[in-house]
PDB file of N, CA and C in Angstrom:
ATOM      1  N   MET A   1     104.905 314.131  19.531  1.00  0.00           N
ATOM      2  CA  MET A   1     105.794 314.562  19.229  1.00  0.00           C
ATOM      3  C   MET A   1     107.440 314.070  19.461  1.00  0.00           C
ATOM      4  N   ASN A   2     107.938 314.404  18.537  1.00  0.00           N
ATOM      5  CA  ASN A   2     109.836 314.100  18.332  1.00  0.00           C
ATOM      6  C   ASN A   2     109.813 314.841  19.022  1.00  0.00           C
ATOM      7  N   ASP A   3     112.076 314.602  18.868  1.00  0.00           N
ATOM      8  CA  ASP A   3     112.911 316.479  19.965  1.00  0.00           C
ATOM      9  C   ASP A   3     112.747 317.158  19.252  1.00  0.00           C
ATOM     10  N   ASN A   4     112.448 317.275  17.419  1.00  0.00           N
ATOM     11  CA  ASN A   4     112.645 318.271  16.652  1.00  0.00           C
ATOM     12  C   ASN A   4     111.066 319.508  17.195  1.00  0.00           C
ATOM     13  N   GLU A   5     109.596 318.906  17.128  1.00  0.00           N
ATOM     14  CA  GLU A   5     108.730 319.420  17.401  1.00  0.00           C
ATOM     15  C   GLU A   5     108.775 320.137  18.943  1.00  0.00           C
ATOM     16  N   PRO A   6     108.776 321.331  19.740  1.00  0.00           N
ATOM     17  CA  PRO A   6     107.966 321.421  21.077  1.00  0.00           C
ATOM     18  C   PRO A   6     106.698 320.791  21.490  1.00  0.00           C
ATOM     19  N   GLY A   7     105.612 320.642  20.623  1.00  0.00           N
ATOM     20  CA  GLY A   7     104.823 320.403  21.514  1.00  0.00           C
ATOM     21  C   GLY A   7     104.069 321.468  22.037  1.00  0.00           C
ATOM     22  N   TRP A   8     103.104 320.625  22.876  1.00  0.00           N
ATOM     23  CA  TRP A   8     102.367 321.702  23.991  1.00  0.00           C
ATOM     24  C   TRP A   8     103.181 321.965  24.990  1.00  0.00           C
ATOM     25  N   LEU A   9     103.211 323.088  25.529  1.00  0.00           N
ATOM     26  CA  LEU A   9     103.498 323.186  26.711  1.00  0.00           C
ATOM     27  C   LEU A   9     102.512 324.086  27.784  1.00  0.00           C
ATOM     28  N   VAL A  10     102.412 323.856  28.680  1.00  0.00           N
ATOM     29  CA  VAL A  10     101.675 324.263  29.655  1.00  0.00           C
ATOM     30  C   VAL A  10     102.378 324.883  31.061  1.00  0.00           C
ATOM     31  N   ALA A  11     102.404 326.349  31.006  1.00  0.00           N
ATOM     32  CA  ALA A  11     103.118 326.915  32.741  1.00  0.00           C
ATOM     33  C   ALA A  11     102.192 327.752  33.504  1.00  0.00           C
ATOM     34  N   CYS A  12     103.066 327.340  34.403  1.00  0.00           N
ATOM     35  CA  CYS A  12     102.213 328.119  35.747  1.00  0.00           C
ATOM     36  C   CYS A  12     102.914 328.644  36.400  1.00  0.00           C
ATOM     37  N   LEU A  13     102.578 330.005  36.520  1.00  0.00           N
ATOM     38  CA  LEU A  13     103.377 331.079  36.237  1.00  0.00           C
ATOM     39  C   LEU A  13     103.044 332.148  37.591  1.00  0.00           C
ATOM     40  N   CYS A  14     103.860 331.869  38.890  1.00  0.00           N
ATOM     41  CA  CYS A  14     103.090 331.635  40.141  1.00  0.00           C
ATOM     42  C   CYS A  14     104.460 332.328  40.569  1.00  0.00           C
ATOM     43  N   ALA A  15     104.293 332.860  42.184  1.00  0.00           N
ATOM     44  CA  ALA A  15     105.309 333.798  43.064  1.00  0.00           C
ATOM     45  C   ALA A  15     105.907 332.573  44.646  1.00  0.00           C
ATOM     46  N   ALA A  16     106.661 332.509  44.694  1.00  0.00           N
ATOM     47  CA  ALA A  16     106.976 331.855  45.924  1.00  0.00           C
ATOM     48  C   ALA A  16     106.655 332.514  47.434  1.00  0.00           C
ATOM     49  N   TRP A  17     106.344 333.838  47.214  1.00  0.00           N
ATOM     50  CA  TRP A  17     105.210 334.465  48.569  1.00  0.00           C
ATOM     51  C   TRP A  17     103.320 334.496  48.062  1.00  0.00           C
ATOM     52  N   CYS A  18     103.436 334.063  46.968  1.00  0.00           N
ATOM     53  CA  CYS A  18     101.671 333.520  46.637  1.00  0.00           C
ATOM     54  C   CYS A  18     101.362 332.874  47.504  1.00  0.00           C
ATOM     55  N   ARG A  19     100.286 332.833  48.698  1.00  0.00           N
ATOM     56  CA  ARG A  19      99.330 331.917  49.258  1.00  0.00           C
ATOM     57  C   ARG A  19      98.657 330.957  48.396  1.00  0.00           C
ATOM     58  N   THR A  20      97.904 331.635  47.405  1.00  0.00           N
ATOM     59  CA  THR A  20      97.146 331.184  46.924  1.00  0.00           C
ATOM     60  C   THR A  20      97.978 329.544  45.627  1.00  0.00           C
ATOM     61  N   CYS A  21      99.121 329.941  45.290  1.00  0.00           N
ATOM     62  CA  CYS A  21     100.390 329.703  44.363  1.00  0.00           C
ATOM     63  C   CYS A  21     100.989 328.292  45.347  1.00  0.00           C
ATOM     64  N   ASP A  22     101.318 327.964  46.025  1.00  0.00           N
ATOM     65  CA  ASP A  22     101.161 326.936  47.233  1.00  0.00           C
ATOM     66  C   ASP A  22      99.900 326.326  46.931  1.00  0.00           C
ATOM     67  N   ASP A  23      98.420 326.738  47.597  1.00  0.00           N
ATOM     68  CA  ASP A  23      97.806 325.899  47.573  1.00  0.00           C
ATOM     69  C   ASP A  23      97.333 325.188  45.679  1.00  0.00           C
ATOM     70  N   TYR A  24      97.917 326.330  45.045  1.00  0.00           N
ATOM     71  CA  TYR A  24      97.781 325.183  43.675  1.00  0.00           C
ATOM     72  C   TYR A  24      98.501 324.376  42.982  1.00  0.00           C
ATOM     73  N   ARG A  25      99.586 324.384  43.812  1.00  0.00           N
ATOM     74  CA  ARG A  25     100.775 323.868  43.144  1.00  0.00           C
ATOM     75  C   ARG A  25     100.384 322.239  43.167  1.00  0.00           C
ATOM     76  N   THR A  26      99.823 321.987  44.593  1.00  0.00           N
ATOM     77  CA  THR A  26      99.316 320.391  44.318  1.00  0.00           C
ATOM     78  C   THR A  26      98.170 319.758  43.147  1.00  0.00           C
ATOM     79  N   THR A  27      97.263 320.980  43.195  1.00  0.00           N
ATOM     80  CA  THR A  27      96.430 320.697  41.843  1.00  0.00           C
ATOM     81  C   THR A  27      96.995 320.866  40.729  1.00  0.00           C
ATOM     82  N   PHE A  28      97.935 321.688  40.309  1.00  0.00           N
ATOM     83  CA  PHE A  28      98.738 321.639  39.024  1.00  0.00           C
ATOM     84  C   PHE A  28      99.455 320.414  39.145  1.00  0.00           C
ATOM     85  N   GLU A  29      99.901 320.078  39.622  1.00  0.00           N
ATOM     86  CA  GLU A  29     100.880 318.753  39.412  1.00  0.00           C
ATOM     87  C   GLU A  29      99.801 317.403  39.163  1.00  0.00           C
ATOM     88  N   ALA A  30      99.100 317.459  39.637  1.00  0.00           N
ATOM     89  CA  ALA A  30      97.518 316.561  39.282  1.00  0.00           C
ATOM     90  C   ALA A  30      97.331 316.700  37.943  1.00  0.00           C
ATOM     91  N   LEU A  31      97.443 317.818  37.548  1.00  0.00           N
ATOM     92  CA  LEU A  31      97.062 317.996  36.024  1.00  0.00           C
ATOM     93  C   LEU A  31      98.107 317.655  34.969  1.00  0.00           C
ATOM     94  N   ALA A  32      99.289 318.224  35.664  1.00  0.00           N
ATOM     95  CA  ALA A  32     100.466 317.267  34.914  1.00  0.00           C
ATOM     96  C   ALA A  32     100.639 315.656  34.741  1.00  0.00           C
ATOM     97  N   ARG A  33      99.988 315.417  35.515  1.00  0.00           N
ATOM     98  CA  ARG A  33     100.135 313.837  35.753  1.00  0.00           C
ATOM     99  C   ARG A  33      98.494 312.886  34.729  1.00  0.00           C
ATOM    100  N   ASP A  34      97.628 314.123  34.539  1.00  0.00           N
ATOM    101  CA  ASP A  34      96.936 313.520  33.878  1.00  0.00           C
ATOM    102  C   ASP A  34      97.111 313.836  32.561  1.00  0.00           C
ATOM    103  N   ILE A  35      97.340 315.265  31.997  1.00  0.00           N
ATOM    104  CA  ILE A  35      97.486 315.476  30.928  1.00  0.00           C
ATOM    105  C   ILE A  35      98.943 315.497  30.671  1.00  0.00           C
ATOM    106  N   GLY A  36      99.820 314.922  31.399  1.00  0.00           N
ATOM    107  CA  GLY A  36     101.456 315.290  30.601  1.00  0.00           C
ATOM    108  C   GLY A  36     102.039 314.654  29.929  1.00  0.00           C
ATOM    109  N   VAL A  37     100.829 313.381  29.688  1.00  0.00           N
ATOM    110  CA  VAL A  37     101.392 312.813  28.196  1.00  0.00           C
ATOM    111  C   VAL A  37     101.139 314.061  26.918  1.00  0.00           C
ATOM    112  N   ARG A  38     100.541 314.882  26.696  1.00  0.00           N
ATOM    113  CA  ARG A  38     100.483 315.134  26.160  1.00  0.00           C
ATOM    114  C   ARG A  38     100.954 317.299  25.668  1.00  0.00           C
ATOM    115  N   ALA A  39     101.623 317.066  26.961  1.00  0.00           N
ATOM    116  CA  ALA A  39     101.760 318.289  27.209  1.00  0.00           C
ATOM    117  C   ALA A  39     103.216 318.503  28.170  1.00  0.00           C
ATOM    118  N   GLN A  40     104.272 319.546  27.696  1.00  0.00           N
ATOM    119  CA  GLN A  40     105.334 319.976  28.562  1.00  0.00           C
ATOM    120  C   GLN A  40     104.584 320.260  30.027  1.00  0.00           C
ATOM    121  N   PHE A  41     104.798 320.188  31.132  1.00  0.00           N
ATOM    122  CA  PHE A  41     104.439 321.064  32.314  1.00  0.00           C
ATOM    123  C   PHE A  41     105.468 321.782  32.666  1.00  0.00           C
ATOM    124  N   ARG A  42     105.373 322.849  33.104  1.00  0.00           N
ATOM    125  CA  ARG A  42     106.311 324.126  33.547  1.00  0.00           C
ATOM    126  C   ARG A  42     105.672 325.489  34.724  1.00  0.00           C
ATOM    127  N   TRP A  43     106.337 324.807  36.543  1.00  0.00           N
ATOM    128  CA  TRP A  43     106.133 325.478  37.352  1.00  0.00           C
ATOM    129  C   TRP A  43     107.422 326.582  37.127  1.00  0.00           C
ATOM    130  N   VAL A  44     106.978 327.115  36.867  1.00  0.00           N
ATOM    131  CA  VAL A  44     107.712 329.130  36.786  1.00  0.00           C
ATOM    132  C   VAL A  44     107.135 329.978  37.674  1.00  0.00           C
ATOM    133  N   ASP A  45     108.230 330.291  38.784  1.00  0.00           N
ATOM    134  CA  ASP A  45     108.692 331.541  40.006  1.00  0.00           C
ATOM    135  C   ASP A  45     109.434 332.604  39.242  1.00  0.00           C
ATOM    136  N   ILE A  46     107.888 333.544  38.736  1.00  0.00           N
ATOM    137  CA  ILE A  46     108.380 334.717  38.595  1.00  0.00           C
ATOM    138  C   ILE A  46     109.714 335.686  38.634  1.00  0.00           C
ATOM    139  N   GLU A  47     109.465 335.537  39.947  1.00  0.00           N
ATOM    140  CA  GLU A  47     111.111 335.884  40.801  1.00  0.00           C
ATOM    141  C   GLU A  47     112.163 335.100  40.156  1.00  0.00           C
ATOM    142  N   ASP A  48     111.992 334.408  40.607  1.00  0.00           N
ATOM    143  CA  ASP A  48     112.804 333.185  40.430  1.00  0.00           C
ATOM    144  C   ASP A  48     113.537 332.784  38.703  1.00  0.00           C
ATOM    145  N   ASP A  49     112.645 332.744  38.190  1.00  0.00           N
ATOM    146  CA  ASP A  49     112.773 332.809  36.646  1.00  0.00           C
ATOM    147  C   ASP A  49     112.235 334.104  35.570  1.00  0.00           C
ATOM    148  N   GLU A  50     112.746 335.315  36.314  1.00  0.00           N
ATOM    149  CA  GLU A  50     112.313 336.288  35.805  1.00  0.00           C
ATOM    150  C   GLU A  50     113.051 336.689  34.208  1.00  0.00           C
ATOM    151  N   ALA A  51     113.918 336.292  34.230  1.00  0.00           N
ATOM    152  CA  ALA A  51     114.461 336.438  33.104  1.00  0.00           C
ATOM    153  C   ALA A  51     113.990 335.548  31.980  1.00  0.00           C
ATOM    154  N   ALA A  52     113.266 335.255  31.748  1.00  0.00           N
ATOM    155  CA  ALA A  52     112.245 334.463  30.808  1.00  0.00           C
ATOM    156  C   ALA A  52     111.212 334.793  30.965  1.00  0.00           C
ATOM    157  N   LEU A  53     110.875 335.546  31.329  1.00  0.00           N
ATOM    158  CA  LEU A  53     109.491 336.425  31.372  1.00  0.00           C
ATOM    159  C   LEU A  53     109.574 337.296  30.504  1.00  0.00           C
ATOM    160  N   GLY A  54     110.563 337.831  30.415  1.00  0.00           N
ATOM    161  CA  GLY A  54     110.915 339.140  29.449  1.00  0.00           C
ATOM    162  C   GLY A  54     110.301 339.836  30.240  1.00  0.00           C
ATOM    163  N   ASP A  55     109.430 341.374  29.131  1.00  0.00           N
ATOM    164  CA  ASP A  55     108.945 342.119  29.453  1.00  0.00           C
ATOM    165  C   ASP A  55     107.418 341.847  29.922  1.00  0.00           C
ATOM    166  N   LEU A  56     106.865 340.440  29.894  1.00  0.00           N
ATOM    167  CA  LEU A  56     105.947 340.120  30.003  1.00  0.00           C
ATOM    168  C   LEU A  56     105.446 340.731  31.843  1.00  0.00           C
ATOM    169  N   ASP A  57     104.805 341.077  32.327  1.00  0.00           N
ATOM    170  CA  ASP A  57     104.142 341.268  33.806  1.00  0.00           C
ATOM    171  C   ASP A  57     103.137 340.952  34.403  1.00  0.00           C
ATOM    172  N   ILE A  58     103.380 339.909  35.506  1.00  0.00           N
ATOM    173  CA  ILE A  58     102.351 338.795  36.068  1.00  0.00           C
ATOM    174  C   ILE A  58     101.732 339.654  37.238  1.00  0.00           C
ATOM    175  N   VAL A  59     100.681 339.821  37.635  1.00  0.00           N
ATOM    176  CA  VAL A  59      99.942 340.539  38.669  1.00  0.00           C
ATOM    177  C   VAL A  59      98.962 339.586  39.031  1.00  0.00           C
ATOM    178  N   ASP A  60      98.361 338.913  38.730  1.00  0.00           N
ATOM    179  CA  ASP A  60      96.896 337.411  39.012  1.00  0.00           C
ATOM    180  C   ASP A  60      97.660 336.375  38.980  1.00  0.00           C
ATOM    181  N   PHE A  61      97.449 336.059  40.458  1.00  0.00           N
ATOM    182  CA  PHE A  61      98.164 334.806  40.574  1.00  0.00           C
ATOM    183  C   PHE A  61      96.921 333.267  41.216  1.00  0.00           C
ATOM    184  N   PRO A  62      97.192 332.523  40.230  1.00  0.00           N
ATOM    185  CA  PRO A  62      97.851 331.570  39.245  1.00  0.00           C
ATOM    186  C   PRO A  62      97.614 332.187  38.065  1.00  0.00           C
ATOM    187  N   THR A  63      98.701 332.358  37.004  1.00  0.00           N
ATOM    188  CA  THR A  63      98.408 332.517  35.903  1.00  0.00           C
ATOM    189  C   THR A  63      99.106 330.907  35.106  1.00  0.00           C
ATOM    190  N   LEU A  64      98.225 330.845  34.113  1.00  0.00           N
ATOM    191  CA  LEU A  64      98.585 329.877  33.069  1.00  0.00           C
ATOM    192  C   LEU A  64      99.187 330.369  31.791  1.00  0.00           C
ATOM    193  N   LEU A  65     100.042 329.354  31.360  1.00  0.00           N
ATOM    194  CA  LEU A  65     100.147 329.495  29.789  1.00  0.00           C
ATOM    195  C   LEU A  65     100.021 328.528  29.792  1.00  0.00           C
ATOM    196  N   VAL A  66      99.425 328.001  28.216  1.00  0.00           N
ATOM    197  CA  VAL A  66      98.742 327.168  26.954  1.00  0.00           C
ATOM    198  C   VAL A  66      99.635 327.196  25.584  1.00  0.00           C
ATOM    199  N   ALA A  67     100.717 326.998  25.719  1.00  0.00           N
ATOM    200  CA  ALA A  67     101.246 327.035  23.714  1.00  0.00           C
ATOM    201  C   ALA A  67     101.460 325.644  23.415  1.00  0.00           C
ATOM    202  N   ASP A  68     101.739 326.353  22.274  1.00  0.00           N
ATOM    203  CA  ASP A  68     102.045 324.635  20.925  1.00  0.00           C
ATOM    204  C   ASP A  68     103.167 325.662  20.254  1.00  0.00           C
ATOM    205  N   GLY A  69     104.160 324.810  20.321  1.00  0.00           N
ATOM    206  CA  GLY A  69     105.391 325.562  19.712  1.00  0.00           C
ATOM    207  C   GLY A  69     105.555 327.449  20.695  1.00  0.00           C
ATOM    208  N   ASP A  70     105.417 328.275  19.469  1.00  0.00           N
ATOM    209  CA  ASP A  70     105.663 329.501  19.796  1.00  0.00           C
ATOM    210  C   ASP A  70     104.100 329.905  19.825  1.00  0.00           C
ATOM    211  N   THR A  71     103.633 329.299  19.694  1.00  0.00           N
ATOM    212  CA  THR A  71     102.163 330.193  19.614  1.00  0.00           C
ATOM    213  C   THR A  71     101.252 330.175  20.486  1.00  0.00           C
ATOM    214  N   ILE A  72     101.202 330.483  21.456  1.00  0.00           N
ATOM    215  CA  ILE A  72     100.425 330.939  22.770  1.00  0.00           C
ATOM    216  C   ILE A  72      98.999 330.246  22.412  1.00  0.00           C
ATOM    217  N   HIS A  73      98.319 329.955  23.730  1.00  0.00           N
ATOM    218  CA  HIS A  73      96.927 329.618  23.001  1.00  0.00           C
ATOM    219  C   HIS A  73      96.220 330.426  24.312  1.00  0.00           C
ATOM    220  N   PHE A  74      96.927 330.613  25.267  1.00  0.00           N
ATOM    221  CA  PHE A  74      96.023 331.475  26.236  1.00  0.00           C
ATOM    222  C   PHE A  74      97.236 331.534  27.273  1.00  0.00           C
ATOM    223  N   LEU A  75      96.894 332.986  27.487  1.00  0.00           N
ATOM    224  CA  LEU A  75      97.700 333.232  28.610  1.00  0.00           C
ATOM    225  C   LEU A  75      96.991 334.314  29.483  1.00  0.00           C
ATOM    226  N   GLY A  76      97.076 333.825  31.121  1.00  0.00           N
ATOM    227  CA  GLY A  76      96.055 334.563  31.770  1.00  0.00           C
ATOM    228  C   GLY A  76      96.235 334.193  33.018  1.00  0.00           C
ATOM    229  N   PRO A  77      95.344 334.542  34.054  1.00  0.00           N
ATOM    230  CA  PRO A  77      95.326 334.348  35.695  1.00  0.00           C
ATOM    231  C   PRO A  77      94.239 332.990  35.367  1.00  0.00           C
ATOM    232  N   VAL A  78      93.397 332.045  35.956  1.00  0.00           N
ATOM    233  CA  VAL A  78      92.420 331.112  36.461  1.00  0.00           C
ATOM    234  C   VAL A  78      92.459 331.434  37.524  1.00  0.00           C
ATOM    235  N   LEU A  79      91.328 330.686  37.690  1.00  0.00           N
ATOM    236  CA  LEU A  79      90.904 330.109  39.133  1.00  0.00           C
ATOM    237  C   LEU A  79      91.838 328.792  39.733  1.00  0.00           C
ATOM    238  N   PRO A  80      91.829 329.137  41.056  1.00  0.00           N
ATOM    239  CA  PRO A  80      92.810 327.865  41.490  1.00  0.00           C
ATOM    240  C   PRO A  80      91.943 326.926  42.110  1.00  0.00           C
ATOM    241  N   HIS A  81      91.036 326.264  41.031  1.00  0.00           N
ATOM    242  CA  HIS A  81      90.347 325.192  41.071  1.00  0.00           C
ATOM    243  C   HIS A  81      90.908 324.207  39.157  1.00  0.00           C
ATOM    244  N   ALA A  82      91.132 322.812  40.055  1.00  0.00           N
ATOM    245  CA  ALA A  82      91.302 321.640  39.040  1.00  0.00           C
ATOM    246  C   ALA A  82      90.380 321.856  37.780  1.00  0.00           C
ATOM    247  N   ALA A  83      89.299 321.580  38.352  1.00  0.00           N
ATOM    248  CA  ALA A  83      87.481 321.253  37.062  1.00  0.00           C
ATOM    249  C   ALA A  83      88.000 322.636  35.546  1.00  0.00           C
ATOM    250  N   ALA A  84      88.461 323.812  36.772  1.00  0.00           N
ATOM    251  CA  ALA A  84      87.976 325.147  35.834  1.00  0.00           C
ATOM    252  C   ALA A  84      89.782 325.172  35.473  1.00  0.00           C
ATOM    253  N   ALA A  85      90.967 325.050  35.914  1.00  0.00           N
ATOM    254  CA  ALA A  85      92.440 324.365  35.111  1.00  0.00           C
ATOM    255  C   ALA A  85      91.957 323.568  33.617  1.00  0.00           C
ATOM    256  N   ARG A  86      91.618 322.880  33.887  1.00  0.00           N
ATOM    257  CA  ARG A  86      91.444 321.128  33.456  1.00  0.00           C
ATOM    258  C   ARG A  86      90.798 321.387  31.582  1.00  0.00           C
ATOM    259  N   GLN A  87      89.449 322.354  32.340  1.00  0.00           N
ATOM    260  CA  GLN A  87      89.090 322.524  31.475  1.00  0.00           C
ATOM    261  C   GLN A  87      88.970 323.910  30.048  1.00  0.00           C
ATOM    262  N   LEU A  88      90.299 324.719  30.955  1.00  0.00           N
ATOM    263  CA  LEU A  88      91.211 325.715  30.158  1.00  0.00           C
ATOM    264  C   LEU A  88      91.727 325.116  29.431  1.00  0.00           C
ATOM    265  N   ILE A  89      92.394 324.270  29.598  1.00  0.00           N
ATOM    266  CA  ILE A  89      93.778 323.855  29.139  1.00  0.00           C
ATOM    267  C   ILE A  89      93.128 322.589  27.731  1.00  0.00           C
ATOM    268  N   GLU A  90      92.155 322.103  28.300  1.00  0.00           N
ATOM    269  CA  GLU A  90      91.633 320.941  27.465  1.00  0.00           C
ATOM    270  C   GLU A  90      91.098 322.267  26.134  1.00  0.00           C
ATOM    271  N   ARG A  91      90.498 323.500  26.118  1.00  0.00           N
ATOM    272  CA  ARG A  91      90.394 324.494  25.193  1.00  0.00           C
ATOM    273  C   ARG A  91      91.130 325.103  24.456  1.00  0.00           C
ATOM    274  N   ALA A  92      92.652 324.648  24.814  1.00  0.00           N
ATOM    275  CA  ALA A  92      92.982 326.145  24.651  1.00  0.00           C
ATOM    276  C   ALA A  92      94.025 324.429  23.790  1.00  0.00           C
ATOM    277  N   MET A  93      93.998 323.715  24.166  1.00  0.00           N
ATOM    278  CA  MET A  93      94.426 322.402  22.963  1.00  0.00           C
ATOM    279  C   MET A  93      93.612 321.999  22.068  1.00  0.00           C
ATOM    280  N   ARG A  94      92.669 322.497  22.198  1.00  0.00           N
ATOM    281  CA  ARG A  94      91.377 322.539  20.388  1.00  0.00           C
ATOM    282  C   ARG A  94      91.885 323.929  19.702  1.00  0.00           C
ATOM    283  N   ARG A  95      92.054 324.349  20.170  1.00  0.00           N
ATOM    284  CA  ARG A  95      92.173 325.739  19.491  1.00  0.00           C
ATOM    285  C   ARG A  95      90.866 326.087  19.674  1.00  0.00           C
ATOM    286  N   GLU A  96      90.026 326.473  20.812  1.00  0.00           N
ATOM    287  CA  GLU A  96      89.142 326.909  20.777  1.00  0.00           C
ATOM    288  C   GLU A  96      88.985 328.207  21.596  1.00  0.00           C
ATOM    289  N   LEU A  97      90.264 328.755  21.570  1.00  0.00           N
ATOM    290  CA  LEU A  97      90.714 330.405  22.613  1.00  0.00           C
ATOM    291  C   LEU A  97      91.148 331.146  21.636  1.00  0.00           C
ATOM    292  N   ALA A  98      90.701 332.626  21.880  1.00  0.00           N
ATOM    293  CA  ALA A  98      91.225 333.385  20.873  1.00  0.00           C
ATOM    294  C   ALA A  98      92.710 333.366  21.123  1.00  0.00           C
ATOM    295  N   THR A  99      93.920 333.886  20.081  1.00  0.00           N
ATOM    296  CA  THR A  99      95.363 333.158  20.229  1.00  0.00           C
ATOM    297  C   THR A  99      95.738 335.083  20.869  1.00  0.00           C
ATOM    298  N   PRO A 100      96.315 335.381  22.138  1.00  0.00           N
ATOM    299  CA  PRO A 100      96.416 336.785  22.197  1.00  0.00           C
ATOM    300  C   PRO A 100      97.539 336.966  21.598  1.00  0.00           C
ATOM    301  N   ARG A 101      97.930 338.028  21.090  1.00  0.00           N
ATOM    302  CA  ARG A 101      99.023 338.616  20.115  1.00  0.00           C
ATOM    303  C   ARG A 101      99.705 339.369  21.242  1.00  0.00           C
ATOM    304  N   ASP A 102     101.306 339.580  20.932  1.00  0.00           N
ATOM    305  CA  ASP A 102     101.797 340.740  21.851  1.00  0.00           C
ATOM    306  C   ASP A 102     103.088 341.044  21.144  1.00  0.00           C
ATOM    307  N   ARG A 103     103.946 341.774  21.631  1.00  0.00           N
ATOM    308  CA  ARG A 103     105.138 342.083  21.367  1.00  0.00           C
ATOM    309  C   ARG A 103     105.926 341.488  22.354  1.00  0.00           C
ATOM    310  N   VAL A 104     105.355 341.928  23.660  1.00  0.00           N
ATOM    311  CA  VAL A 104     106.129 340.837  24.687  1.00  0.00           C
ATOM    312  C   VAL A 104     105.146 339.190  24.791  1.00  0.00           C
ATOM    313  N   HIS A 105     104.713 338.513  24.243  1.00  0.00           N
ATOM    314  CA  HIS A 105     104.864 337.120  23.685  1.00  0.00           C
ATOM    315  C   HIS A 105     105.793 336.401  22.640  1.00  0.00           C
ATOM    316  N   GLU A 106     106.683 337.367  21.913  1.00  0.00           N
ATOM    317  CA  GLU A 106     107.295 337.071  21.329  1.00  0.00           C
ATOM    318  C   GLU A 106     108.959 336.138  22.227  1.00  0.00           C
ATOM    319  N   GLY A 107     108.775 334.925  21.537  1.00  0.00           N
ATOM    320  CA  GLY A 107     109.542 333.954  22.640  1.00  0.00           C
ATOM    321  C   GLY A 107     109.731 333.777  23.449  1.00  0.00           C
ATOM    322  N   LEU A 108     108.355 333.712  24.737  1.00  0.00           N
ATOM    323  CA  LEU A 108     107.942 333.537  26.276  1.00  0.00           C
ATOM    324  C   LEU A 108     108.252 331.796  26.042  1.00  0.00           C
ATOM    325  N   ALA A 109     107.235 331.461  25.103  1.00  0.00           N
ATOM    326  CA  ALA A 109     106.906 329.767  24.933  1.00  0.00           C
ATOM    327  C   ALA A 109     108.271 329.396  25.232  1.00  0.00           C
ATOM    328  N   ALA A 110     108.635 329.212  24.322  1.00  0.00           N
ATOM    329  CA  ALA A 110     110.142 328.851  24.321  1.00  0.00           C
ATOM    330  C   ALA A 110     110.982 329.576  25.460  1.00  0.00           C
ATOM    331  N   ARG A 111     111.330 330.115  25.758  1.00  0.00           N
ATOM    332  CA  ARG A 111     111.951 330.547  27.061  1.00  0.00           C
ATOM    333  C   ARG A 111     111.530 330.078  28.155  1.00  0.00           C
ATOM    334  N   LEU A 112     109.856 329.623  28.744  1.00  0.00           N
ATOM    335  CA  LEU A 112     109.814 329.088  29.591  1.00  0.00           C
ATOM    336  C   LEU A 112     109.825 327.135  28.829  1.00  0.00           C
ATOM    337  N   ARG A 113     109.621 327.150  28.761  1.00  0.00           N
ATOM    338  CA  ARG A 113     110.087 325.428  27.421  1.00  0.00           C
ATOM    339  C   ARG A 113     111.908 325.182  28.052  1.00  0.00           C
ATOM    340  N   ALA A 114     112.429 326.349  28.332  1.00  0.00           N
ATOM    341  CA  ALA A 114     114.302 325.918  28.196  1.00  0.00           C
ATOM    342  C   ALA A 114     114.358 325.608  29.886  1.00  0.00           C
ATOM    343  N   LEU A 115     113.399 326.282  30.509  1.00  0.00           N
ATOM    344  CA  LEU A 115     113.536 326.069  32.025  1.00  0.00           C
ATOM    345  C   LEU A 115     113.126 324.699  32.674  1.00  0.00           C
ATOM    346  N   ARG A 116     114.415 324.269  33.514  1.00  0.00           N
ATOM    347  CA  ARG A 116     113.822 322.715  34.361  1.00  0.00           C
ATOM    348  C   ARG A 116     113.195 323.154  35.285  1.00  0.00           C
ATOM    349  N   GLY A 117     112.236 321.849  35.068  1.00  0.00           N
ATOM    350  CA  GLY A 117     111.751 321.776  36.542  1.00  0.00           C
ATOM    351  C   GLY A 117     110.302 321.763  35.853  1.00  0.00           C
TER     352      GLY A 117
END
């Protein structure tokens, strides 16, 4: 991946008040260490980073987004277990999952990628 190609993004969409997200954070950080050479990882607080989400409404936590460039290959809730998340991320990166298409997704990956952290 070079500076002109955004590459893969894995974003965890959570909320500060969510205890499941608190527990999941160490799992997500471990996944970032293991898979991080192939993707950027972002922890996104849906309230602190509300503007980046646009009209997207997150109701289940944790929610993962896996995107290659602007193409979202997965967006949805996941079980808060490392093995389940790893399998989902790997399948998305092999393009084995249906690509969700919705107007609310337009530009989402780029906005999340622009967040720091």
